[in-house]
Amino acid sequence: MASEMTSSAYISHHLTNWTFGVHPEHGLGFAHTAEDAAAMGFWAIHVDTMLWSVGLGLFFIWMFRKVAKKVTSGVPGSAQNFVEVIIEFVEDNVSSIFHYKNALIAPLALTIFVWVFLMNTMDLIPVDWIPFLTQKIGEAFGADPHHVYMKVVPTTDINATLGMAIAVFGLILFYSIKMKGLGGFLGELAFQPLGKWMLPFNLFLEIVGLLAKPVSLALRLFGNMYAGEMIFILIALLPFWAQWLLSVPWAIFHILVITLQAFIFMVLTIVYLAMAHDEH
């Protein structure tokens, strides 16, 4: 695919989402270019992000449910061992950070860790394989292959990472109000850390700190995964021998990044929810 485009067009194509929305001139439909996608505005849907994130979420549910139905107290199989290691790892982190009774936190942490890890792992698939297959399918239906887009790493889309972060932020607000009451929560914002005489300054500090939580969650995951994807795309522009020379070491290193980013998103979620339960 890289040989059929200029370098800039190749990079732009790989960084463009498959977008569906209302174009101001062409109406409802799929975007044919990056400019069309931009013109569709805020309410456009990144179909590939939705497809892969939901698909990987369903795969996670299916895999763990399948193992749970076959669980045995005897000698466990490799799949059961693998799932048990993940669950014990998440439980250890939850118990060491979250010291309150809440039946939601451990399942939430497990879901975040595995789901984000699966989405991140899509970055290890060679950058041209799935887009090339998608272009061939589109071509078979009469579409211009240069107008067929497919980004397979949902966490390289700021909409996906921000969406997850906003969901966590909603839980932070919910538990902050539930545990402390609306008055207690508003009191924390208004009277800390400098007392009631510095109320405007307190509000500024606390609101900025509160909003920084979802923003940092979203941007950290997005930035690291986007940078990793960009490096894979740049490597794909090199001669064939150089691709193998560089892509394999980078992929091995990137496994650490993939796992670490899933772990960080999970741990920060636990920390933020523990802070929401704290009463000052």
C-alpha atoms as a PDB file:
ATOM      1  CA  MET A   1       0.000   0.000   0.000  1.00  0.00           C
ATOM      2  CA  ALA A   2       2.862   2.356   0.844  1.00  0.00           C
ATOM      3  CA  SER A   3       4.304   2.016  -2.661  1.00  0.00           C
ATOM      4  CA  GLU A   4       1.034   3.236  -4.217  1.00  0.00           C
ATOM      5  CA  MET A   5       0.952   6.565  -2.327  1.00  0.00           C
ATOM      6  CA  THR A   6       3.218   9.405  -1.419  1.00  0.00           C
ATOM      7  CA  SER A   7       4.584   9.240   2.125  1.00  0.00           C
ATOM      8  CA  SER A   8       2.334  12.042   3.385  1.00  0.00           C
ATOM      9  CA  ALA A   9      -0.774  10.524   1.750  1.00  0.00           C
ATOM     10  CA  TYR A  10       0.084   7.110   3.216  1.00  0.00           C
ATOM     11  CA  ILE A  11       0.459   8.518   6.735  1.00  0.00           C
ATOM     12  CA  SER A  12      -2.701  10.598   6.411  1.00  0.00           C
ATOM     13  CA  HIS A  13      -4.666   7.591   5.160  1.00  0.00           C
ATOM     14  CA  HIS A  14      -3.598   5.427   8.087  1.00  0.00           C
ATOM     15  CA  LEU A  15      -4.444   8.147  10.613  1.00  0.00           C
ATOM     16  CA  THR A  16      -7.947   8.781   9.216  1.00  0.00           C
ATOM     17  CA  ASN A  17     -10.910   7.019  10.780  1.00  0.00           C
ATOM     18  CA  TRP A  18     -13.743   5.380   8.872  1.00  0.00           C
ATOM     19  CA  THR A  19     -16.297   8.107   9.556  1.00  0.00           C
ATOM     20  CA  PHE A  20     -20.079   8.192   9.220  1.00  0.00           C
ATOM     21  CA  GLY A  21     -22.115  11.331   9.660  1.00  0.00           C
ATOM     22  CA  VAL A  22     -23.975  14.227   8.079  1.00  0.00           C
ATOM     23  CA  HIS A  23     -21.925  16.199   5.560  1.00  0.00           C
ATOM     24  CA  PRO A  24     -23.096  19.814   5.060  1.00  0.00           C
ATOM     25  CA  GLU A  25     -23.180  19.315   1.266  1.00  0.00           C
ATOM     26  CA  HIS A  26     -23.587  15.569   0.657  1.00  0.00           C
ATOM     27  CA  GLY A  27     -25.900  14.692   3.529  1.00  0.00           C
ATOM     28  CA  LEU A  28     -25.845  11.468   5.548  1.00  0.00           C
ATOM     29  CA  GLY A  29     -23.181   8.963   4.574  1.00  0.00           C
ATOM     30  CA  PHE A  30     -19.567   7.850   4.889  1.00  0.00           C
ATOM     31  CA  ALA A  31     -16.706  10.291   4.507  1.00  0.00           C
ATOM     32  CA  HIS A  32     -14.592   9.817   1.388  1.00  0.00           C
ATOM     33  CA  THR A  33     -11.681  11.978   2.527  1.00  0.00           C
ATOM     34  CA  ALA A  34     -10.222  13.358   5.734  1.00  0.00           C
ATOM     35  CA  GLU A  35     -11.694  16.721   4.765  1.00  0.00           C
ATOM     36  CA  ASP A  36     -15.168  15.168   4.488  1.00  0.00           C
ATOM     37  CA  ALA A  37     -14.751  13.622   7.932  1.00  0.00           C
ATOM     38  CA  ALA A  38     -13.741  16.969   9.415  1.00  0.00           C
ATOM     39  CA  ALA A  39     -16.712  18.686   7.768  1.00  0.00           C
ATOM     40  CA  MET A  40     -19.114  16.224   9.417  1.00  0.00           C
ATOM     41  CA  GLY A  41     -18.289  17.780  12.767  1.00  0.00           C
ATOM     42  CA  PHE A  42     -18.756  16.658  16.345  1.00  0.00           C
ATOM     43  CA  TRP A  43     -21.652  14.228  15.850  1.00  0.00           C
ATOM     44  CA  ALA A  44     -19.897  12.071  13.256  1.00  0.00           C
ATOM     45  CA  ILE A  45     -19.213   8.472  14.328  1.00  0.00           C
ATOM     46  CA  HIS A  46     -15.858   6.745  13.912  1.00  0.00           C
ATOM     47  CA  VAL A  47     -17.219   3.415  12.749  1.00  0.00           C
ATOM     48  CA  ASP A  48     -13.913   1.568  12.976  1.00  0.00           C
ATOM     49  CA  THR A  49     -13.344   2.694  16.577  1.00  0.00           C
ATOM     50  CA  MET A  50     -16.836   1.530  17.542  1.00  0.00           C
ATOM     51  CA  LEU A  51     -16.473  -1.730  15.622  1.00  0.00           C
ATOM     52  CA  TRP A  52     -13.149  -2.768  17.132  1.00  0.00           C
ATOM     53  CA  SER A  53     -13.783  -1.533  20.678  1.00  0.00           C
ATOM     54  CA  VAL A  54     -17.194  -3.221  20.932  1.00  0.00           C
ATOM     55  CA  GLY A  55     -15.900  -6.341  19.173  1.00  0.00           C
ATOM     56  CA  LEU A  56     -12.941  -6.673  21.529  1.00  0.00           C
ATOM     57  CA  GLY A  57     -15.214  -6.023  24.511  1.00  0.00           C
ATOM     58  CA  LEU A  58     -17.477  -8.879  23.392  1.00  0.00           C
ATOM     59  CA  PHE A  59     -14.425 -11.086  22.860  1.00  0.00           C
ATOM     60  CA  PHE A  60     -13.320 -10.342  26.438  1.00  0.00           C
ATOM     61  CA  ILE A  61     -16.752 -11.295  27.798  1.00  0.00           C
ATOM     62  CA  TRP A  62     -16.904 -14.461  25.671  1.00  0.00           C
ATOM     63  CA  MET A  63     -13.397 -15.582  26.640  1.00  0.00           C
ATOM     64  CA  PHE A  64     -13.840 -15.093  30.391  1.00  0.00           C
ATOM     65  CA  ARG A  65     -17.354 -16.582  30.353  1.00  0.00           C
ATOM     66  CA  LYS A  66     -16.103 -19.637  28.502  1.00  0.00           C
ATOM     67  CA  VAL A  67     -13.354 -20.167  31.067  1.00  0.00           C
ATOM     68  CA  ALA A  68     -15.756 -19.562  33.973  1.00  0.00           C
ATOM     69  CA  LYS A  69     -18.186 -22.212  32.687  1.00  0.00           C
ATOM     70  CA  LYS A  70     -15.385 -24.812  32.525  1.00  0.00           C
ATOM     71  CA  VAL A  71     -13.614 -23.871  35.752  1.00  0.00           C
ATOM     72  CA  THR A  72     -12.408 -26.818  37.807  1.00  0.00           C
ATOM     73  CA  SER A  73     -11.029 -27.238  41.316  1.00  0.00           C
ATOM     74  CA  GLY A  74      -8.703 -29.949  40.072  1.00  0.00           C
ATOM     75  CA  VAL A  75      -5.786 -29.433  37.720  1.00  0.00           C
ATOM     76  CA  PRO A  76      -6.689 -26.278  35.763  1.00  0.00           C
ATOM     77  CA  GLY A  77      -6.083 -25.900  32.062  1.00  0.00           C
ATOM     78  CA  SER A  78      -3.849 -23.245  30.527  1.00  0.00           C
ATOM     79  CA  ALA A  79      -6.804 -20.906  29.806  1.00  0.00           C
ATOM     80  CA  GLN A  80      -8.036 -21.124  33.409  1.00  0.00           C
ATOM     81  CA  ASN A  81      -4.502 -20.530  34.711  1.00  0.00           C
ATOM     82  CA  PHE A  82      -4.154 -17.483  32.489  1.00  0.00           C
ATOM     83  CA  VAL A  83      -7.483 -15.964  33.579  1.00  0.00           C
ATOM     84  CA  GLU A  84      -6.807 -16.704  37.244  1.00  0.00           C
ATOM     85  CA  VAL A  85      -3.423 -14.966  37.055  1.00  0.00           C
ATOM     86  CA  ILE A  86      -5.071 -11.851  35.592  1.00  0.00           C
ATOM     87  CA  ILE A  87      -7.851 -11.854  38.199  1.00  0.00           C
ATOM     88  CA  GLU A  88      -5.405 -12.316  41.090  1.00  0.00           C
ATOM     89  CA  PHE A  89      -3.208  -9.540  39.700  1.00  0.00           C
ATOM     90  CA  VAL A  90      -6.161  -7.134  39.546  1.00  0.00           C
ATOM     91  CA  GLU A  91      -7.436  -8.185  42.987  1.00  0.00           C
ATOM     92  CA  ASP A  92      -4.006  -7.543  44.535  1.00  0.00           C
ATOM     93  CA  ASN A  93      -3.936  -4.029  43.092  1.00  0.00           C
ATOM     94  CA  VAL A  94      -7.496  -3.258  44.187  1.00  0.00           C
ATOM     95  CA  SER A  95      -6.948  -4.528  47.739  1.00  0.00           C
ATOM     96  CA  SER A  96      -3.709  -2.540  48.115  1.00  0.00           C
ATOM     97  CA  ILE A  97      -5.247   0.752  46.910  1.00  0.00           C
ATOM     98  CA  PHE A  98      -8.967   0.641  47.642  1.00  0.00           C
ATOM     99  CA  HIS A  99      -9.771   0.133  51.341  1.00  0.00           C
ATOM    100  CA  TYR A 100     -13.558   0.467  51.246  1.00  0.00           C
ATOM    101  CA  LYS A 101     -16.418  -1.955  50.606  1.00  0.00           C
ATOM    102  CA  ASN A 102     -17.643  -1.587  47.048  1.00  0.00           C
ATOM    103  CA  ALA A 103     -18.551  -4.579  44.898  1.00  0.00           C
ATOM    104  CA  LEU A 104     -18.142  -2.564  41.675  1.00  0.00           C
ATOM    105  CA  ILE A 105     -14.460  -1.652  41.915  1.00  0.00           C
ATOM    106  CA  ALA A 106     -12.781  -5.035  41.310  1.00  0.00           C
ATOM    107  CA  PRO A 107     -14.964  -5.996  38.286  1.00  0.00           C
ATOM    108  CA  LEU A 108     -14.522  -2.468  36.910  1.00  0.00           C
ATOM    109  CA  ALA A 109     -10.737  -2.664  37.321  1.00  0.00           C
ATOM    110  CA  LEU A 110     -10.644  -6.090  35.633  1.00  0.00           C
ATOM    111  CA  THR A 111     -12.781  -4.844  32.739  1.00  0.00           C
ATOM    112  CA  ILE A 112     -10.639  -1.755  32.231  1.00  0.00           C
ATOM    113  CA  PHE A 113      -7.344  -3.650  32.347  1.00  0.00           C
ATOM    114  CA  VAL A 114      -8.313  -6.464  29.966  1.00  0.00           C
ATOM    115  CA  TRP A 115     -10.366  -4.319  27.582  1.00  0.00           C
ATOM    116  CA  VAL A 116      -7.736  -1.578  27.246  1.00  0.00           C
ATOM    117  CA  PHE A 117      -5.016  -4.226  26.889  1.00  0.00           C
ATOM    118  CA  LEU A 118      -6.918  -5.932  24.051  1.00  0.00           C
ATOM    119  CA  MET A 119      -7.499  -2.622  22.251  1.00  0.00           C
ATOM    120  CA  ASN A 120      -3.839  -1.682  22.667  1.00  0.00           C
ATOM    121  CA  THR A 121      -2.695  -5.092  21.404  1.00  0.00           C
ATOM    122  CA  MET A 122      -4.232  -4.381  18.001  1.00  0.00           C
ATOM    123  CA  ASP A 123      -1.235  -2.087  17.488  1.00  0.00           C
ATOM    124  CA  LEU A 124       0.955  -5.176  17.083  1.00  0.00           C
ATOM    125  CA  ILE A 125      -0.854  -6.242  13.903  1.00  0.00           C
ATOM    126  CA  PRO A 126       1.176  -5.048  10.870  1.00  0.00           C
ATOM    127  CA  VAL A 127      -0.244  -1.672   9.879  1.00  0.00           C
ATOM    128  CA  ASP A 128      -1.178  -2.648   6.304  1.00  0.00           C
ATOM    129  CA  TRP A 129      -2.816  -6.034   6.808  1.00  0.00           C
ATOM    130  CA  ILE A 130      -6.346  -5.143   7.925  1.00  0.00           C
ATOM    131  CA  PRO A 131      -6.558  -1.808   5.999  1.00  0.00           C
ATOM    132  CA  PHE A 132      -5.433  -3.659   2.832  1.00  0.00           C
ATOM    133  CA  LEU A 133      -8.053  -6.369   3.341  1.00  0.00           C
ATOM    134  CA  THR A 134     -10.702  -3.707   3.988  1.00  0.00           C
ATOM    135  CA  GLN A 135      -9.740  -1.874   0.808  1.00  0.00           C
ATOM    136  CA  LYS A 136     -10.066  -5.080  -1.209  1.00  0.00           C
ATOM    137  CA  ILE A 137     -13.519  -5.725   0.253  1.00  0.00           C
ATOM    138  CA  GLY A 138     -14.524  -2.134  -0.497  1.00  0.00           C
ATOM    139  CA  GLU A 139     -13.166  -2.454  -4.028  1.00  0.00           C
ATOM    140  CA  ALA A 140     -15.284  -5.573  -4.560  1.00  0.00           C
ATOM    141  CA  PHE A 141     -18.354  -3.464  -3.763  1.00  0.00           C
ATOM    142  CA  GLY A 142     -17.279  -0.717  -6.166  1.00  0.00           C
ATOM    143  CA  ALA A 143     -15.652   1.682  -3.699  1.00  0.00           C
ATOM    144  CA  ASP A 144     -12.501   3.646  -4.453  1.00  0.00           C
ATOM    145  CA  PRO A 145      -9.803   1.891  -2.358  1.00  0.00           C
ATOM    146  CA  HIS A 146      -8.198   5.250  -1.564  1.00  0.00           C
ATOM    147  CA  HIS A 147     -11.475   6.305   0.091  1.00  0.00           C
ATOM    148  CA  VAL A 148     -11.707   3.203   2.315  1.00  0.00           C
ATOM    149  CA  TYR A 149     -10.343   3.752   5.830  1.00  0.00           C
ATOM    150  CA  MET A 150      -9.830   1.374   8.730  1.00  0.00           C
ATOM    151  CA  LYS A 151      -8.021   2.227  11.977  1.00  0.00           C
ATOM    152  CA  VAL A 152      -7.823  -0.916  14.066  1.00  0.00           C
ATOM    153  CA  VAL A 153      -6.449   0.500  17.347  1.00  0.00           C
ATOM    154  CA  PRO A 154      -9.358   2.161  19.204  1.00  0.00           C
ATOM    155  CA  THR A 155      -7.068   3.701  21.827  1.00  0.00           C
ATOM    156  CA  THR A 156      -5.365   5.804  19.147  1.00  0.00           C
ATOM    157  CA  ASP A 157      -8.682   7.645  18.787  1.00  0.00           C
ATOM    158  CA  ILE A 158      -9.070  10.425  21.371  1.00  0.00           C
ATOM    159  CA  ASN A 159     -12.848   9.906  21.221  1.00  0.00           C
ATOM    160  CA  ALA A 160     -12.478   6.383  22.619  1.00  0.00           C
ATOM    161  CA  THR A 161     -10.043   7.245  25.398  1.00  0.00           C
ATOM    162  CA  LEU A 162     -11.983  10.370  26.361  1.00  0.00           C
ATOM    163  CA  GLY A 163     -15.217   8.398  26.363  1.00  0.00           C
ATOM    164  CA  MET A 164     -13.771   5.890  28.841  1.00  0.00           C
ATOM    165  CA  ALA A 165     -12.308   8.691  30.942  1.00  0.00           C
ATOM    166  CA  ILE A 166     -15.658  10.519  31.072  1.00  0.00           C
ATOM    167  CA  ALA A 167     -17.337   7.297  32.244  1.00  0.00           C
ATOM    168  CA  VAL A 168     -14.771   7.054  35.065  1.00  0.00           C
ATOM    169  CA  PHE A 169     -15.325  10.752  35.844  1.00  0.00           C
ATOM    170  CA  GLY A 170     -19.062  10.087  36.150  1.00  0.00           C
ATOM    171  CA  LEU A 171     -18.319   7.372  38.723  1.00  0.00           C
ATOM    172  CA  ILE A 172     -16.009   9.749  40.604  1.00  0.00           C
ATOM    173  CA  LEU A 173     -18.803  12.336  40.873  1.00  0.00           C
ATOM    174  CA  PHE A 174     -21.392   9.703  41.766  1.00  0.00           C
ATOM    175  CA  TYR A 175     -19.393   8.182  44.617  1.00  0.00           C
ATOM    176  CA  SER A 176     -18.136  11.550  45.842  1.00  0.00           C
ATOM    177  CA  ILE A 177     -21.744  12.691  46.328  1.00  0.00           C
ATOM    178  CA  LYS A 178     -22.978   9.290  47.560  1.00  0.00           C
ATOM    179  CA  MET A 179     -20.288   8.923  50.237  1.00  0.00           C
ATOM    180  CA  LYS A 180     -20.101  12.555  51.388  1.00  0.00           C
ATOM    181  CA  GLY A 181     -23.480  13.929  50.449  1.00  0.00           C
ATOM    182  CA  LEU A 182     -23.985  16.813  48.054  1.00  0.00           C
ATOM    183  CA  GLY A 183     -23.163  19.340  50.779  1.00  0.00           C
ATOM    184  CA  GLY A 184     -20.008  17.504  51.792  1.00  0.00           C
ATOM    185  CA  PHE A 185     -18.823  17.259  48.202  1.00  0.00           C
ATOM    186  CA  LEU A 186     -19.475  20.932  47.507  1.00  0.00           C
ATOM    187  CA  GLY A 187     -17.838  21.783  50.836  1.00  0.00           C
ATOM    188  CA  GLU A 188     -14.677  19.992  49.759  1.00  0.00           C
ATOM    189  CA  LEU A 189     -14.600  22.074  46.589  1.00  0.00           C
ATOM    190  CA  ALA A 190     -15.300  25.361  48.379  1.00  0.00           C
ATOM    191  CA  PHE A 191     -13.401  25.140  51.665  1.00  0.00           C
ATOM    192  CA  GLN A 192     -10.258  23.117  50.895  1.00  0.00           C
ATOM    193  CA  PRO A 193      -7.331  23.393  51.033  1.00  0.00           C
ATOM    194  CA  LEU A 194      -7.163  26.999  52.339  1.00  0.00           C
ATOM    195  CA  GLY A 195     -10.342  27.421  54.357  1.00  0.00           C
ATOM    196  CA  LYS A 196     -13.544  29.403  53.798  1.00  0.00           C
ATOM    197  CA  TRP A 197     -11.836  32.807  53.495  1.00  0.00           C
ATOM    198  CA  MET A 198     -10.165  31.649  50.255  1.00  0.00           C
ATOM    199  CA  LEU A 199     -13.335  30.200  48.713  1.00  0.00           C
ATOM    200  CA  PRO A 200     -12.843  31.503  45.122  1.00  0.00           C
ATOM    201  CA  PHE A 201      -9.246  30.279  45.050  1.00  0.00           C
ATOM    202  CA  ASN A 202     -10.264  26.936  46.596  1.00  0.00           C
ATOM    203  CA  LEU A 203     -12.961  26.466  43.956  1.00  0.00           C
ATOM    204  CA  PHE A 204     -10.485  27.208  41.194  1.00  0.00           C
ATOM    205  CA  LEU A 205      -7.899  24.749  42.528  1.00  0.00           C
ATOM    206  CA  GLU A 206     -10.351  21.948  43.283  1.00  0.00           C
ATOM    207  CA  ILE A 207     -12.334  22.223  40.045  1.00  0.00           C
ATOM    208  CA  VAL A 208      -9.147  22.265  37.957  1.00  0.00           C
ATOM    209  CA  GLY A 209      -7.857  19.254  39.894  1.00  0.00           C
ATOM    210  CA  LEU A 210     -11.168  17.439  39.444  1.00  0.00           C
ATOM    211  CA  LEU A 211     -11.321  18.054  35.694  1.00  0.00           C
ATOM    212  CA  ALA A 212      -7.658  17.120  35.302  1.00  0.00           C
ATOM    213  CA  LYS A 213      -8.467  13.515  36.280  1.00  0.00           C
ATOM    214  CA  PRO A 214     -10.437  12.500  33.158  1.00  0.00           C
ATOM    215  CA  VAL A 215      -8.279  14.661  30.903  1.00  0.00           C
ATOM    216  CA  SER A 216      -5.064  13.050  32.145  1.00  0.00           C
ATOM    217  CA  LEU A 217      -6.575   9.564  31.853  1.00  0.00           C
ATOM    218  CA  ALA A 218      -7.652  10.153  28.257  1.00  0.00           C
ATOM    219  CA  LEU A 219      -4.583  12.002  26.989  1.00  0.00           C
ATOM    220  CA  ARG A 220      -2.015   9.679  28.594  1.00  0.00           C
ATOM    221  CA  LEU A 221      -3.461   6.572  26.954  1.00  0.00           C
ATOM    222  CA  PHE A 222      -4.165   8.285  23.640  1.00  0.00           C
ATOM    223  CA  GLY A 223      -0.759   9.988  23.416  1.00  0.00           C
ATOM    224  CA  ASN A 224       1.284   6.868  24.101  1.00  0.00           C
ATOM    225  CA  MET A 225      -0.683   4.637  21.755  1.00  0.00           C
ATOM    226  CA  TYR A 226      -0.855   7.266  18.992  1.00  0.00           C
ATOM    227  CA  ALA A 227       2.920   7.739  19.147  1.00  0.00           C
ATOM    228  CA  GLY A 228       3.440   3.980  18.985  1.00  0.00           C
ATOM    229  CA  GLU A 229       1.166   3.670  15.975  1.00  0.00           C
ATOM    230  CA  MET A 230       2.931   6.548  14.241  1.00  0.00           C
ATOM    231  CA  ILE A 231       6.296   4.806  14.634  1.00  0.00           C
ATOM    232  CA  PHE A 232       4.890   1.604  13.101  1.00  0.00           C
ATOM    233  CA  ILE A 233       3.545   3.643  10.158  1.00  0.00           C
ATOM    234  CA  LEU A 234       6.908   5.352   9.632  1.00  0.00           C
ATOM    235  CA  ILE A 235       8.680   1.978   9.736  1.00  0.00           C
ATOM    236  CA  ALA A 236       6.263   0.690   7.063  1.00  0.00           C
ATOM    237  CA  LEU A 237       7.529   3.427   4.724  1.00  0.00           C
ATOM    238  CA  LEU A 238      11.084   2.044   4.830  1.00  0.00           C
ATOM    239  CA  PRO A 239      12.522  -0.602   2.480  1.00  0.00           C
ATOM    240  CA  PHE A 240      11.393  -4.167   3.199  1.00  0.00           C
ATOM    241  CA  TRP A 241      14.639  -5.280   4.858  1.00  0.00           C
ATOM    242  CA  ALA A 242      14.641  -2.215   7.128  1.00  0.00           C
ATOM    243  CA  GLN A 243      11.013  -2.870   8.127  1.00  0.00           C
ATOM    244  CA  TRP A 244      11.893  -6.278   9.546  1.00  0.00           C
ATOM    245  CA  LEU A 245      15.063  -4.954  11.137  1.00  0.00           C
ATOM    246  CA  LEU A 246      13.190  -2.217  13.035  1.00  0.00           C
ATOM    247  CA  SER A 247       9.609  -3.449  13.430  1.00  0.00           C
ATOM    248  CA  VAL A 248      10.411  -6.598  15.412  1.00  0.00           C
ATOM    249  CA  PRO A 249      12.463  -4.854  18.161  1.00  0.00           C
ATOM    250  CA  TRP A 250       9.931  -2.023  18.333  1.00  0.00           C
ATOM    251  CA  ALA A 251       7.034  -4.502  18.563  1.00  0.00           C
ATOM    252  CA  ILE A 252       8.788  -6.344  21.412  1.00  0.00           C
ATOM    253  CA  PHE A 253       9.349  -3.070  23.258  1.00  0.00           C
ATOM    254  CA  HIS A 254       5.805  -1.956  22.457  1.00  0.00           C
ATOM    255  CA  ILE A 255       4.399  -4.988  24.292  1.00  0.00           C
ATOM    256  CA  LEU A 256       5.649  -3.299  27.469  1.00  0.00           C
ATOM    257  CA  VAL A 257       3.967  -0.012  26.489  1.00  0.00           C
ATOM    258  CA  ILE A 258       0.692  -1.797  25.675  1.00  0.00           C
ATOM    259  CA  THR A 259       0.602  -3.563  29.043  1.00  0.00           C
ATOM    260  CA  LEU A 260       1.832  -0.566  31.016  1.00  0.00           C
ATOM    261  CA  GLN A 261      -0.807   1.786  29.592  1.00  0.00           C
ATOM    262  CA  ALA A 262      -3.610  -0.650  30.424  1.00  0.00           C
ATOM    263  CA  PHE A 263      -2.181  -1.024  33.936  1.00  0.00           C
ATOM    264  CA  ILE A 264      -1.859   2.749  34.462  1.00  0.00           C
ATOM    265  CA  PHE A 265      -5.435   3.413  33.307  1.00  0.00           C
ATOM    266  CA  MET A 266      -6.677   0.739  35.717  1.00  0.00           C
ATOM    267  CA  VAL A 267      -4.596   1.901  38.697  1.00  0.00           C
ATOM    268  CA  LEU A 268      -5.503   5.572  38.261  1.00  0.00           C
ATOM    269  CA  THR A 269      -9.180   4.642  38.056  1.00  0.00           C
ATOM    270  CA  ILE A 270      -8.890   2.738  41.356  1.00  0.00           C
ATOM    271  CA  VAL A 271      -6.974   5.626  42.953  1.00  0.00           C
ATOM    272  CA  TYR A 272      -9.502   8.243  41.816  1.00  0.00           C
ATOM    273  CA  LEU A 273     -12.445   6.163  43.067  1.00  0.00           C
ATOM    274  CA  ALA A 274     -10.666   5.599  46.396  1.00  0.00           C
ATOM    275  CA  MET A 275     -10.242   9.374  46.684  1.00  0.00           C
ATOM    276  CA  ALA A 276     -13.951   9.774  45.953  1.00  0.00           C
ATOM    277  CA  HIS A 277     -14.692   7.555  48.961  1.00  0.00           C
ATOM    278  CA  ASP A 278     -12.350   9.457  51.269  1.00  0.00           C
ATOM    279  CA  GLU A 279     -14.020  11.755  53.780  1.00  0.00           C
ATOM    280  CA  HIS A 280     -12.024  14.763  54.926  1.00  0.00           C
END
